[in-house]
Amino acid sequence: MNASKLLRGAVLSLVVGLALAGCDHATDSEGPRLIDRFGDFALLDTLTANLETVDFAAGETVTFEARFNKQVNWVLEIVGDSSGAVKRIEDFSAELTAENAQWDGGTTELPLFKDEPVEARLFVPEEDSDTTRTAIEVLSPREYPGDVAADFEEDAGSDILLGNFEFEFDLEATGRSDEVPAAEGDFFYLLRSTGGPVVADPFFIGLIRINASITGQTYFPVPATVPEDLFFNAFLYSFGTPNTIAVVQLAVDTNGTGAYEDGQDATFSIIDQPVDWEGWQAFSIPLSATEITPAQTEEIVAIRVLLISDDNGQPSPPLPVDYGIDYITFTAGGPLEL
């Protein structure tokens, strides 16, 4: 072999050696570190929170911290002790910090949190890791934007009219209830039929009419008057009862009396929904989905909540139907953010 070939070989070996020395053996050409793909998992720092008690109503937030030896898909699940509310935070990283694990009191799954102890649980599903936990006391829950129309926390008296026109409501159950955890606070309103017609037509079970006087005003206060910007929000609870339909209507005082008058005031259906799931579900609908005008948004005098039985699916005699409603609000610019 001549000297020039030996020289070229030596230079090539030197270049390759320098290139390899400059590489991080923890990475590959595609980007992820090799240890993230193939290394054994280890929890380096267990889950902690920067606060033992938190006042969300005062604007406080909670930051969670934990650290792993590699980047992983982790799940932080925060569960209310009495409400059963669930907030879930997920990310792919090697640690939990204020950037990816901060909680402002919101929820992922209804109900909403309330003043209660909560437990935060951190786990890594792909690694079948042990769960690390920490506890926090919520002194006051998060305050949500918008105008509350009804939350059923207090007995509304004559501000809520029960229309049991066909005598088909189960009056022992229908009303303010804590049969299941409320979507917000401690109470919701339950509508339930007796099951079996008292009269010939069991389709329309009955309704409640929530008068604007429940807010201390003639008309429901709203944060916007442009229908595209004004949202109606409510939480509906389904017991999984077949053939249940929920209808919610906004009643507008079209004759200027300051009170709801059946057959005279205009009504706009905002929800017309089969109730065919289980648990609480949030509904947010822009008023532009109806034909309500900007002027009429300022004259909403009542909210009508109807319980309907889907006769087409009912056996004979028909079975009971039921659902719950909670935390009726109006928001501006978008749906209620949980």
C-alpha atoms as a PDB file:
ATOM      1  CA  MET A   1       0.000   0.000   0.000  1.00  0.00           C
ATOM      2  CA  ASN A   2       1.496   3.374  -0.980  1.00  0.00           C
ATOM      3  CA  ALA A   3       1.910   6.296   1.357  1.00  0.00           C
ATOM      4  CA  SER A   4      -0.976   8.319  -0.121  1.00  0.00           C
ATOM      5  CA  LYS A   5      -3.492   5.527   0.517  1.00  0.00           C
ATOM      6  CA  LEU A   6      -2.205   5.159   4.077  1.00  0.00           C
ATOM      7  CA  LEU A   7      -2.581   8.889   4.593  1.00  0.00           C
ATOM      8  CA  ARG A   8      -6.134   8.955   3.226  1.00  0.00           C
ATOM      9  CA  GLY A   9      -7.104   6.011   5.472  1.00  0.00           C
ATOM     10  CA  ALA A  10      -5.677   7.705   8.532  1.00  0.00           C
ATOM     11  CA  VAL A  11      -7.501  10.955   7.798  1.00  0.00           C
ATOM     12  CA  LEU A  12     -10.792   9.090   7.234  1.00  0.00           C
ATOM     13  CA  SER A  13     -10.406   7.206  10.509  1.00  0.00           C
ATOM     14  CA  LEU A  14      -9.681  10.453  12.329  1.00  0.00           C
ATOM     15  CA  VAL A  15     -12.757  12.179  10.857  1.00  0.00           C
ATOM     16  CA  VAL A  16     -15.041   9.269  11.750  1.00  0.00           C
ATOM     17  CA  GLY A  17     -13.619   9.099  15.236  1.00  0.00           C
ATOM     18  CA  LEU A  18     -14.149  12.803  15.823  1.00  0.00           C
ATOM     19  CA  ALA A  19     -17.723  12.574  14.500  1.00  0.00           C
ATOM     20  CA  LEU A  20     -18.544   9.700  16.805  1.00  0.00           C
ATOM     21  CA  ALA A  21     -16.944  11.446  19.751  1.00  0.00           C
ATOM     22  CA  GLY A  22     -19.129  14.488  19.071  1.00  0.00           C
ATOM     23  CA  CYS A  23     -22.364  12.474  19.041  1.00  0.00           C
ATOM     24  CA  ASP A  24     -24.604  12.187  22.098  1.00  0.00           C
ATOM     25  CA  HIS A  25     -25.102   8.454  22.457  1.00  0.00           C
ATOM     26  CA  ALA A  26     -28.336   9.178  24.248  1.00  0.00           C
ATOM     27  CA  THR A  27     -29.867  10.441  20.991  1.00  0.00           C
ATOM     28  CA  ASP A  28     -30.530   9.018  17.556  1.00  0.00           C
ATOM     29  CA  SER A  29     -30.946  10.673  14.192  1.00  0.00           C
ATOM     30  CA  GLU A  30     -34.714  10.900  14.565  1.00  0.00           C
ATOM     31  CA  GLY A  31     -34.522  13.078  17.664  1.00  0.00           C
ATOM     32  CA  PRO A  32     -35.801  11.150  20.748  1.00  0.00           C
ATOM     33  CA  ARG A  33     -33.224  10.025  23.229  1.00  0.00           C
ATOM     34  CA  LEU A  34     -32.480   6.328  23.147  1.00  0.00           C
ATOM     35  CA  ILE A  35     -33.081   6.067  26.883  1.00  0.00           C
ATOM     36  CA  ASP A  36     -36.628   7.413  26.327  1.00  0.00           C
ATOM     37  CA  ARG A  37     -37.267   4.505  23.980  1.00  0.00           C
ATOM     38  CA  PHE A  38     -35.400   1.647  25.571  1.00  0.00           C
ATOM     39  CA  GLY A  39     -34.237   2.674  29.057  1.00  0.00           C
ATOM     40  CA  ASP A  40     -35.764   1.381  32.269  1.00  0.00           C
ATOM     41  CA  PHE A  41     -38.238   3.779  33.880  1.00  0.00           C
ATOM     42  CA  ALA A  42     -37.642   5.310  37.295  1.00  0.00           C
ATOM     43  CA  LEU A  43     -39.509   7.906  39.343  1.00  0.00           C
ATOM     44  CA  LEU A  44     -36.842  10.262  40.684  1.00  0.00           C
ATOM     45  CA  ASP A  45     -39.047  12.712  42.632  1.00  0.00           C
ATOM     46  CA  THR A  46     -42.527  11.821  43.868  1.00  0.00           C
ATOM     47  CA  LEU A  47     -45.558  14.046  43.297  1.00  0.00           C
ATOM     48  CA  THR A  48     -45.767  17.214  45.380  1.00  0.00           C
ATOM     49  CA  ALA A  49     -47.896  20.373  45.300  1.00  0.00           C
ATOM     50  CA  ASN A  50     -46.761  23.888  46.087  1.00  0.00           C
ATOM     51  CA  LEU A  51     -49.844  24.484  48.276  1.00  0.00           C
ATOM     52  CA  GLU A  52     -51.548  22.406  50.957  1.00  0.00           C
ATOM     53  CA  THR A  53     -54.676  24.586  50.811  1.00  0.00           C
ATOM     54  CA  VAL A  54     -55.919  26.633  47.858  1.00  0.00           C
ATOM     55  CA  ASP A  55     -58.452  29.448  47.455  1.00  0.00           C
ATOM     56  CA  PHE A  56     -59.421  29.363  43.792  1.00  0.00           C
ATOM     57  CA  ALA A  57     -61.996  32.129  44.256  1.00  0.00           C
ATOM     58  CA  ALA A  58     -59.120  34.424  45.252  1.00  0.00           C
ATOM     59  CA  GLY A  59     -57.233  33.563  42.061  1.00  0.00           C
ATOM     60  CA  GLU A  60     -54.769  31.068  43.553  1.00  0.00           C
ATOM     61  CA  THR A  61     -53.466  28.149  41.486  1.00  0.00           C
ATOM     62  CA  VAL A  62     -51.707  24.915  42.365  1.00  0.00           C
ATOM     63  CA  THR A  63     -48.462  23.783  40.746  1.00  0.00           C
ATOM     64  CA  PHE A  64     -47.558  20.100  40.823  1.00  0.00           C
ATOM     65  CA  GLU A  65     -44.008  18.792  40.593  1.00  0.00           C
ATOM     66  CA  ALA A  66     -42.487  15.370  39.970  1.00  0.00           C
ATOM     67  CA  ARG A  67     -39.490  14.065  38.021  1.00  0.00           C
ATOM     68  CA  PHE A  68     -38.683  10.948  35.991  1.00  0.00           C
ATOM     69  CA  ASN A  69     -35.401   9.635  34.597  1.00  0.00           C
ATOM     70  CA  LYS A  70     -36.724   9.894  31.041  1.00  0.00           C
ATOM     71  CA  GLN A  71     -39.502  11.444  28.990  1.00  0.00           C
ATOM     72  CA  VAL A  72     -42.791   9.569  29.318  1.00  0.00           C
ATOM     73  CA  ASN A  73     -46.509   9.994  28.720  1.00  0.00           C
ATOM     74  CA  TRP A  74     -47.836  10.785  32.181  1.00  0.00           C
ATOM     75  CA  VAL A  75     -51.338  11.442  33.550  1.00  0.00           C
ATOM     76  CA  LEU A  76     -52.140  13.656  36.529  1.00  0.00           C
ATOM     77  CA  GLU A  77     -55.657  13.058  37.817  1.00  0.00           C
ATOM     78  CA  ILE A  78     -57.210  15.294  40.481  1.00  0.00           C
ATOM     79  CA  VAL A  79     -60.369  13.936  42.151  1.00  0.00           C
ATOM     80  CA  GLY A  80     -62.757  15.723  44.513  1.00  0.00           C
ATOM     81  CA  ASP A  81     -63.468  13.805  47.703  1.00  0.00           C
ATOM     82  CA  SER A  82     -67.166  14.718  47.994  1.00  0.00           C
ATOM     83  CA  SER A  83     -68.047  16.102  44.543  1.00  0.00           C
ATOM     84  CA  GLY A  84     -66.416  13.315  42.532  1.00  0.00           C
ATOM     85  CA  ALA A  85     -65.156  15.984  40.108  1.00  0.00           C
ATOM     86  CA  VAL A  86     -62.181  15.005  37.954  1.00  0.00           C
ATOM     87  CA  LYS A  87     -59.483  17.217  36.447  1.00  0.00           C
ATOM     88  CA  ARG A  88     -57.057  15.424  34.141  1.00  0.00           C
ATOM     89  CA  ILE A  89     -53.724  16.848  32.910  1.00  0.00           C
ATOM     90  CA  GLU A  90     -51.560  14.872  30.471  1.00  0.00           C
ATOM     91  CA  ASP A  91     -48.189  15.487  28.852  1.00  0.00           C
ATOM     92  CA  PHE A  92     -45.050  13.853  27.434  1.00  0.00           C
ATOM     93  CA  SER A  93     -42.048  15.039  29.434  1.00  0.00           C
ATOM     94  CA  ALA A  94     -39.496  14.101  32.078  1.00  0.00           C
ATOM     95  CA  GLU A  95     -40.955  16.329  34.777  1.00  0.00           C
ATOM     96  CA  LEU A  96     -44.021  18.158  36.032  1.00  0.00           C
ATOM     97  CA  THR A  97     -43.586  21.922  36.400  1.00  0.00           C
ATOM     98  CA  ALA A  98     -45.572  25.152  36.400  1.00  0.00           C
ATOM     99  CA  GLU A  99     -45.410  25.012  32.606  1.00  0.00           C
ATOM    100  CA  ASN A 100     -47.313  21.754  32.200  1.00  0.00           C
ATOM    101  CA  ALA A 101     -48.908  20.887  35.557  1.00  0.00           C
ATOM    102  CA  GLN A 102     -50.731  23.926  36.924  1.00  0.00           C
ATOM    103  CA  TRP A 103     -54.356  23.728  38.108  1.00  0.00           C
ATOM    104  CA  ASP A 104     -56.727  26.690  38.312  1.00  0.00           C
ATOM    105  CA  GLY A 105     -59.650  24.782  39.826  1.00  0.00           C
ATOM    106  CA  GLY A 106     -61.272  23.752  36.541  1.00  0.00           C
ATOM    107  CA  THR A 107     -62.638  20.324  35.751  1.00  0.00           C
ATOM    108  CA  THR A 108     -62.380  17.815  32.912  1.00  0.00           C
ATOM    109  CA  GLU A 109     -65.340  15.678  33.961  1.00  0.00           C
ATOM    110  CA  LEU A 110     -68.401  17.087  35.740  1.00  0.00           C
ATOM    111  CA  PRO A 111     -69.315  17.802  38.496  1.00  0.00           C
ATOM    112  CA  LEU A 112     -67.460  21.029  39.263  1.00  0.00           C
ATOM    113  CA  PHE A 113     -65.166  21.032  42.278  1.00  0.00           C
ATOM    114  CA  LYS A 114     -66.350  22.599  45.508  1.00  0.00           C
ATOM    115  CA  ASP A 115     -64.786  23.353  48.906  1.00  0.00           C
ATOM    116  CA  GLU A 116     -63.492  19.874  49.707  1.00  0.00           C
ATOM    117  CA  PRO A 117     -60.386  17.747  50.065  1.00  0.00           C
ATOM    118  CA  VAL A 118     -58.959  16.548  46.750  1.00  0.00           C
ATOM    119  CA  GLU A 119     -56.415  13.892  45.896  1.00  0.00           C
ATOM    120  CA  ALA A 120     -53.952  14.262  43.035  1.00  0.00           C
ATOM    121  CA  ARG A 121     -52.721  11.001  41.494  1.00  0.00           C
ATOM    122  CA  LEU A 122     -49.805  10.729  39.073  1.00  0.00           C
ATOM    123  CA  PHE A 123     -49.206   7.621  36.982  1.00  0.00           C
ATOM    124  CA  VAL A 124     -47.461   6.541  33.785  1.00  0.00           C
ATOM    125  CA  PRO A 125     -49.763   4.151  31.903  1.00  0.00           C
ATOM    126  CA  GLU A 126     -47.195   2.821  29.414  1.00  0.00           C
ATOM    127  CA  GLU A 127     -44.762   1.956  32.205  1.00  0.00           C
ATOM    128  CA  ASP A 128     -47.411   0.357  34.439  1.00  0.00           C
ATOM    129  CA  SER A 129     -45.984   2.570  37.182  1.00  0.00           C
ATOM    130  CA  ASP A 130     -47.065   2.785  40.795  1.00  0.00           C
ATOM    131  CA  THR A 131     -49.288   5.795  41.479  1.00  0.00           C
ATOM    132  CA  THR A 132     -47.777   8.608  43.500  1.00  0.00           C
ATOM    133  CA  ARG A 133     -50.251  10.839  45.332  1.00  0.00           C
ATOM    134  CA  THR A 134     -50.622  14.078  47.228  1.00  0.00           C
ATOM    135  CA  ALA A 135     -53.575  15.739  48.981  1.00  0.00           C
ATOM    136  CA  ILE A 136     -54.865  19.331  48.872  1.00  0.00           C
ATOM    137  CA  GLU A 137     -57.715  21.136  50.619  1.00  0.00           C
ATOM    138  CA  VAL A 138     -59.852  23.396  48.404  1.00  0.00           C
ATOM    139  CA  LEU A 139     -60.958  26.290  50.614  1.00  0.00           C
ATOM    140  CA  SER A 140     -63.192  27.832  47.950  1.00  0.00           C
ATOM    141  CA  PRO A 141     -63.922  26.651  44.410  1.00  0.00           C
ATOM    142  CA  ARG A 142     -63.212  28.491  41.196  1.00  0.00           C
ATOM    143  CA  GLU A 143     -65.614  31.266  40.260  1.00  0.00           C
ATOM    144  CA  TYR A 144     -66.910  30.932  36.712  1.00  0.00           C
ATOM    145  CA  PRO A 145     -67.702  33.884  34.438  1.00  0.00           C
ATOM    146  CA  GLY A 146     -71.203  34.760  33.308  1.00  0.00           C
ATOM    147  CA  ASP A 147     -74.581  35.467  34.864  1.00  0.00           C
ATOM    148  CA  VAL A 148     -76.181  32.676  36.888  1.00  0.00           C
ATOM    149  CA  ALA A 149     -79.863  32.174  36.109  1.00  0.00           C
ATOM    150  CA  ALA A 150     -80.475  29.282  38.529  1.00  0.00           C
ATOM    151  CA  ASP A 151     -78.259  26.968  40.556  1.00  0.00           C
ATOM    152  CA  PHE A 152     -80.977  25.473  42.847  1.00  0.00           C
ATOM    153  CA  GLU A 153     -78.858  25.859  45.976  1.00  0.00           C
ATOM    154  CA  GLU A 154     -81.710  27.600  47.797  1.00  0.00           C
ATOM    155  CA  ASP A 155     -85.431  26.830  47.890  1.00  0.00           C
ATOM    156  CA  ALA A 156     -86.789  29.154  45.195  1.00  0.00           C
ATOM    157  CA  GLY A 157     -90.373  29.130  46.469  1.00  0.00           C
ATOM    158  CA  SER A 158     -92.787  30.765  44.032  1.00  0.00           C
ATOM    159  CA  ASP A 159     -89.930  31.753  41.692  1.00  0.00           C
ATOM    160  CA  ILE A 160     -90.134  28.200  40.308  1.00  0.00           C
ATOM    161  CA  LEU A 161     -93.540  26.968  39.170  1.00  0.00           C
ATOM    162  CA  LEU A 162     -94.104  23.216  38.869  1.00  0.00           C
ATOM    163  CA  GLY A 163     -96.499  22.483  36.005  1.00  0.00           C
ATOM    164  CA  ASN A 164     -97.854  19.010  36.749  1.00  0.00           C
ATOM    165  CA  PHE A 165    -100.653  19.413  34.212  1.00  0.00           C
ATOM    166  CA  GLU A 166    -101.223  15.725  33.473  1.00  0.00           C
ATOM    167  CA  PHE A 167    -100.509  14.642  37.054  1.00  0.00           C
ATOM    168  CA  GLU A 168     -97.662  12.464  35.864  1.00  0.00           C
ATOM    169  CA  PHE A 169     -94.778  13.895  37.901  1.00  0.00           C
ATOM    170  CA  ASP A 170     -93.491  11.755  40.745  1.00  0.00           C
ATOM    171  CA  LEU A 171     -93.920  14.479  43.349  1.00  0.00           C
ATOM    172  CA  GLU A 172     -91.854  12.644  45.956  1.00  0.00           C
ATOM    173  CA  ALA A 173     -88.810  12.827  43.680  1.00  0.00           C
ATOM    174  CA  THR A 174     -89.378  15.907  41.510  1.00  0.00           C
ATOM    175  CA  GLY A 175     -87.810  19.066  42.924  1.00  0.00           C
ATOM    176  CA  ARG A 176     -84.505  20.157  44.446  1.00  0.00           C
ATOM    177  CA  SER A 177     -82.465  17.025  44.901  1.00  0.00           C
ATOM    178  CA  ASP A 178     -79.144  15.615  46.063  1.00  0.00           C
ATOM    179  CA  GLU A 179     -79.950  12.083  44.905  1.00  0.00           C
ATOM    180  CA  VAL A 180     -76.636  12.164  43.018  1.00  0.00           C
ATOM    181  CA  PRO A 181     -73.801  14.683  43.453  1.00  0.00           C
ATOM    182  CA  ALA A 182     -74.911  17.975  41.914  1.00  0.00           C
ATOM    183  CA  ALA A 183     -73.057  19.346  38.913  1.00  0.00           C
ATOM    184  CA  GLU A 184     -72.367  22.492  40.946  1.00  0.00           C
ATOM    185  CA  GLY A 185     -72.798  23.000  44.651  1.00  0.00           C
ATOM    186  CA  ASP A 186     -74.981  20.622  46.629  1.00  0.00           C
ATOM    187  CA  PHE A 187     -78.357  20.583  44.845  1.00  0.00           C
ATOM    188  CA  PHE A 188     -79.823  20.247  41.354  1.00  0.00           C
ATOM    189  CA  TYR A 189     -83.400  20.056  40.058  1.00  0.00           C
ATOM    190  CA  LEU A 190     -84.762  16.578  39.311  1.00  0.00           C
ATOM    191  CA  LEU A 191     -87.718  15.937  36.999  1.00  0.00           C
ATOM    192  CA  ARG A 192     -89.164  12.400  37.134  1.00  0.00           C
ATOM    193  CA  SER A 193     -92.421  10.830  35.952  1.00  0.00           C
ATOM    194  CA  THR A 194     -94.498   8.266  37.790  1.00  0.00           C
ATOM    195  CA  GLY A 195     -94.349   5.758  34.933  1.00  0.00           C
ATOM    196  CA  GLY A 196     -97.682   4.818  33.436  1.00  0.00           C
ATOM    197  CA  PRO A 197    -100.225   7.317  32.142  1.00  0.00           C
ATOM    198  CA  VAL A 198    -102.817   8.917  34.346  1.00  0.00           C
ATOM    199  CA  VAL A 199    -104.443  10.351  31.251  1.00  0.00           C
ATOM    200  CA  ALA A 200    -104.546   9.138  27.680  1.00  0.00           C
ATOM    201  CA  ASP A 201    -101.468  11.034  26.392  1.00  0.00           C
ATOM    202  CA  PRO A 202     -98.266  10.439  28.369  1.00  0.00           C
ATOM    203  CA  PHE A 203     -96.015  12.282  25.889  1.00  0.00           C
ATOM    204  CA  PHE A 204     -95.861  15.584  27.801  1.00  0.00           C
ATOM    205  CA  ILE A 205     -95.084  14.825  31.433  1.00  0.00           C
ATOM    206  CA  GLY A 206     -94.845  18.398  32.705  1.00  0.00           C
ATOM    207  CA  LEU A 207     -92.467  21.281  33.249  1.00  0.00           C
ATOM    208  CA  ILE A 208     -90.934  23.729  35.633  1.00  0.00           C
ATOM    209  CA  ARG A 209     -90.954  27.434  34.893  1.00  0.00           C
ATOM    210  CA  ILE A 210     -88.081  29.387  36.394  1.00  0.00           C
ATOM    211  CA  ASN A 211     -89.152  33.010  36.635  1.00  0.00           C
ATOM    212  CA  ALA A 212     -86.572  35.784  36.290  1.00  0.00           C
ATOM    213  CA  SER A 213     -87.645  36.984  39.738  1.00  0.00           C
ATOM    214  CA  ILE A 214     -85.343  34.233  41.077  1.00  0.00           C
ATOM    215  CA  THR A 215     -82.500  36.669  40.302  1.00  0.00           C
ATOM    216  CA  GLY A 216     -84.269  39.581  41.986  1.00  0.00           C
ATOM    217  CA  GLN A 217     -84.939  41.248  38.643  1.00  0.00           C
ATOM    218  CA  THR A 218     -87.804  41.427  36.174  1.00  0.00           C
ATOM    219  CA  TYR A 219     -85.731  39.891  33.366  1.00  0.00           C
ATOM    220  CA  PHE A 220     -82.762  37.547  33.492  1.00  0.00           C
ATOM    221  CA  PRO A 221     -79.530  39.567  33.422  1.00  0.00           C
ATOM    222  CA  VAL A 222     -77.387  38.692  30.413  1.00  0.00           C
ATOM    223  CA  PRO A 223     -73.742  39.665  29.748  1.00  0.00           C
ATOM    224  CA  ALA A 224     -74.310  40.373  26.030  1.00  0.00           C
ATOM    225  CA  THR A 225     -77.229  41.236  23.774  1.00  0.00           C
ATOM    226  CA  VAL A 226     -75.922  40.109  20.381  1.00  0.00           C
ATOM    227  CA  PRO A 227     -77.339  36.571  19.954  1.00  0.00           C
ATOM    228  CA  GLU A 228     -74.123  35.336  18.304  1.00  0.00           C
ATOM    229  CA  ASP A 229     -72.148  36.405  21.393  1.00  0.00           C
ATOM    230  CA  LEU A 230     -74.618  35.275  24.054  1.00  0.00           C
ATOM    231  CA  PHE A 231     -74.489  31.637  25.173  1.00  0.00           C
ATOM    232  CA  PHE A 232     -76.985  29.647  27.225  1.00  0.00           C
ATOM    233  CA  ASN A 233     -75.289  27.030  29.415  1.00  0.00           C
ATOM    234  CA  ALA A 234     -76.768  24.224  31.486  1.00  0.00           C
ATOM    235  CA  PHE A 235     -75.723  20.863  32.889  1.00  0.00           C
ATOM    236  CA  LEU A 236     -78.058  17.905  32.293  1.00  0.00           C
ATOM    237  CA  TYR A 237     -77.917  14.647  34.213  1.00  0.00           C
ATOM    238  CA  SER A 238     -78.978  11.341  32.687  1.00  0.00           C
ATOM    239  CA  PHE A 239     -79.747   8.270  34.765  1.00  0.00           C
ATOM    240  CA  GLY A 240     -79.581   6.165  31.618  1.00  0.00           C
ATOM    241  CA  THR A 241     -83.403   5.991  31.584  1.00  0.00           C
ATOM    242  CA  PRO A 242     -84.668   5.162  28.073  1.00  0.00           C
ATOM    243  CA  ASN A 243     -87.132   7.338  26.156  1.00  0.00           C
ATOM    244  CA  THR A 244     -86.304  10.549  28.036  1.00  0.00           C
ATOM    245  CA  ILE A 245     -86.261  13.885  26.189  1.00  0.00           C
ATOM    246  CA  ALA A 246     -85.264  17.248  27.666  1.00  0.00           C
ATOM    247  CA  VAL A 247     -86.629  20.483  26.239  1.00  0.00           C
ATOM    248  CA  VAL A 248     -85.520  23.881  27.531  1.00  0.00           C
ATOM    249  CA  GLN A 249     -87.166  27.082  26.306  1.00  0.00           C
ATOM    250  CA  LEU A 250     -86.496  30.779  26.816  1.00  0.00           C
ATOM    251  CA  ALA A 251     -89.640  32.852  27.299  1.00  0.00           C
ATOM    252  CA  VAL A 252     -89.553  36.497  26.183  1.00  0.00           C
ATOM    253  CA  ASP A 253     -91.930  39.132  27.540  1.00  0.00           C
ATOM    254  CA  THR A 254     -93.350  40.273  24.219  1.00  0.00           C
ATOM    255  CA  ASN A 255     -96.271  42.281  25.651  1.00  0.00           C
ATOM    256  CA  GLY A 256     -94.296  44.251  28.233  1.00  0.00           C
ATOM    257  CA  THR A 257     -96.122  43.121  31.367  1.00  0.00           C
ATOM    258  CA  GLY A 258     -92.948  42.098  33.190  1.00  0.00           C
ATOM    259  CA  ALA A 259     -94.300  38.610  33.840  1.00  0.00           C
ATOM    260  CA  TYR A 260     -94.688  35.381  31.884  1.00  0.00           C
ATOM    261  CA  GLU A 261     -98.102  34.900  30.302  1.00  0.00           C
ATOM    262  CA  ASP A 262     -98.766  31.573  28.624  1.00  0.00           C
ATOM    263  CA  GLY A 263    -100.040  31.900  25.070  1.00  0.00           C
ATOM    264  CA  GLN A 264     -98.977  35.531  24.826  1.00  0.00           C
ATOM    265  CA  ASP A 265     -95.228  35.616  25.384  1.00  0.00           C
ATOM    266  CA  ALA A 266     -92.850  34.173  22.784  1.00  0.00           C
ATOM    267  CA  THR A 267     -90.839  31.032  23.550  1.00  0.00           C
ATOM    268  CA  PHE A 268     -87.610  29.894  21.895  1.00  0.00           C
ATOM    269  CA  SER A 269     -86.365  26.303  22.234  1.00  0.00           C
ATOM    270  CA  ILE A 270     -82.683  26.332  23.167  1.00  0.00           C
ATOM    271  CA  ILE A 271     -82.350  22.602  24.019  1.00  0.00           C
ATOM    272  CA  ASP A 272     -84.368  19.733  22.526  1.00  0.00           C
ATOM    273  CA  GLN A 273     -82.311  16.695  23.381  1.00  0.00           C
ATOM    274  CA  PRO A 274     -82.737  12.951  23.978  1.00  0.00           C
ATOM    275  CA  VAL A 275     -81.193  12.221  27.363  1.00  0.00           C
ATOM    276  CA  ASP A 276     -79.459   8.965  26.491  1.00  0.00           C
ATOM    277  CA  TRP A 277     -76.083   8.957  28.275  1.00  0.00           C
ATOM    278  CA  GLU A 278     -75.130   8.459  31.922  1.00  0.00           C
ATOM    279  CA  GLY A 279     -73.958  11.172  34.296  1.00  0.00           C
ATOM    280  CA  TRP A 280     -73.622  14.932  33.870  1.00  0.00           C
ATOM    281  CA  GLN A 281     -73.087  16.581  30.503  1.00  0.00           C
ATOM    282  CA  ALA A 282     -72.532  20.265  29.723  1.00  0.00           C
ATOM    283  CA  PHE A 283     -74.551  22.094  27.055  1.00  0.00           C
ATOM    284  CA  SER A 284     -73.595  25.506  25.663  1.00  0.00           C
ATOM    285  CA  ILE A 285     -75.677  26.980  22.852  1.00  0.00           C
ATOM    286  CA  PRO A 286     -75.432  30.430  21.238  1.00  0.00           C
ATOM    287  CA  LEU A 287     -78.746  32.241  21.214  1.00  0.00           C
ATOM    288  CA  SER A 288     -78.183  32.758  17.492  1.00  0.00           C
ATOM    289  CA  ALA A 289     -79.304  29.120  17.184  1.00  0.00           C
ATOM    290  CA  THR A 290     -82.802  30.502  17.820  1.00  0.00           C
ATOM    291  CA  GLU A 291     -84.642  33.380  16.147  1.00  0.00           C
ATOM    292  CA  ILE A 292     -84.395  35.631  19.196  1.00  0.00           C
ATOM    293  CA  THR A 293     -83.540  39.281  18.463  1.00  0.00           C
ATOM    294  CA  PRO A 294     -80.982  41.444  20.299  1.00  0.00           C
ATOM    295  CA  ALA A 295     -83.792  43.412  21.949  1.00  0.00           C
ATOM    296  CA  GLN A 296     -85.507  40.217  23.103  1.00  0.00           C
ATOM    297  CA  THR A 297     -82.347  38.954  24.838  1.00  0.00           C
ATOM    298  CA  GLU A 298     -82.940  41.714  27.393  1.00  0.00           C
ATOM    299  CA  GLU A 299     -86.537  40.609  27.990  1.00  0.00           C
ATOM    300  CA  ILE A 300     -86.104  36.940  28.919  1.00  0.00           C
ATOM    301  CA  VAL A 301     -88.697  36.651  31.641  1.00  0.00           C
ATOM    302  CA  ALA A 302     -88.714  32.886  32.257  1.00  0.00           C
ATOM    303  CA  ILE A 303     -86.925  29.619  31.476  1.00  0.00           C
ATOM    304  CA  ARG A 304     -89.160  26.600  30.858  1.00  0.00           C
ATOM    305  CA  VAL A 305     -87.694  23.113  31.503  1.00  0.00           C
ATOM    306  CA  LEU A 306     -89.871  20.315  30.082  1.00  0.00           C
ATOM    307  CA  LEU A 307     -89.827  16.562  30.679  1.00  0.00           C
ATOM    308  CA  ILE A 308     -90.926  14.625  27.588  1.00  0.00           C
ATOM    309  CA  SER A 309     -91.539  10.899  27.160  1.00  0.00           C
ATOM    310  CA  ASP A 310     -90.659   9.460  23.747  1.00  0.00           C
ATOM    311  CA  ASP A 311     -93.857   7.529  23.106  1.00  0.00           C
ATOM    312  CA  ASN A 312     -92.466   5.893  19.980  1.00  0.00           C
ATOM    313  CA  GLY A 313     -90.041   3.888  22.096  1.00  0.00           C
ATOM    314  CA  GLN A 314     -92.189   3.270  25.158  1.00  0.00           C
ATOM    315  CA  PRO A 315     -93.784  -0.071  26.004  1.00  0.00           C
ATOM    316  CA  SER A 316     -97.349  -0.189  27.268  1.00  0.00           C
ATOM    317  CA  PRO A 317     -97.762   0.904  29.985  1.00  0.00           C
ATOM    318  CA  PRO A 318     -94.865   3.382  29.602  1.00  0.00           C
ATOM    319  CA  LEU A 319     -91.840   3.338  31.892  1.00  0.00           C
ATOM    320  CA  PRO A 320     -90.755   6.326  34.028  1.00  0.00           C
ATOM    321  CA  VAL A 321     -88.566   9.004  32.449  1.00  0.00           C
ATOM    322  CA  ASP A 322     -86.306  11.439  34.279  1.00  0.00           C
ATOM    323  CA  TYR A 323     -83.335  13.789  34.153  1.00  0.00           C
ATOM    324  CA  GLY A 324     -81.682  16.488  36.226  1.00  0.00           C
ATOM    325  CA  ILE A 325     -80.673  20.062  35.407  1.00  0.00           C
ATOM    326  CA  ASP A 326     -78.191  22.320  37.185  1.00  0.00           C
ATOM    327  CA  TYR A 327     -76.229  25.559  36.977  1.00  0.00           C
ATOM    328  CA  ILE A 328     -78.074  27.481  34.274  1.00  0.00           C
ATOM    329  CA  THR A 329     -75.962  30.456  33.192  1.00  0.00           C
ATOM    330  CA  PHE A 330     -75.517  32.999  30.418  1.00  0.00           C
ATOM    331  CA  THR A 331     -71.986  33.740  29.165  1.00  0.00           C
ATOM    332  CA  ALA A 332     -70.605  36.223  26.656  1.00  0.00           C
ATOM    333  CA  GLY A 333     -68.260  35.497  23.767  1.00  0.00           C
ATOM    334  CA  GLY A 334     -68.237  31.718  24.072  1.00  0.00           C
ATOM    335  CA  PRO A 335     -69.389  28.648  25.995  1.00  0.00           C
ATOM    336  CA  LEU A 336     -68.858  28.260  29.713  1.00  0.00           C
ATOM    337  CA  GLU A 337     -65.267  27.013  30.057  1.00  0.00           C
ATOM    338  CA  LEU A 338     -64.929  24.253  32.600  1.00  0.00           C
END
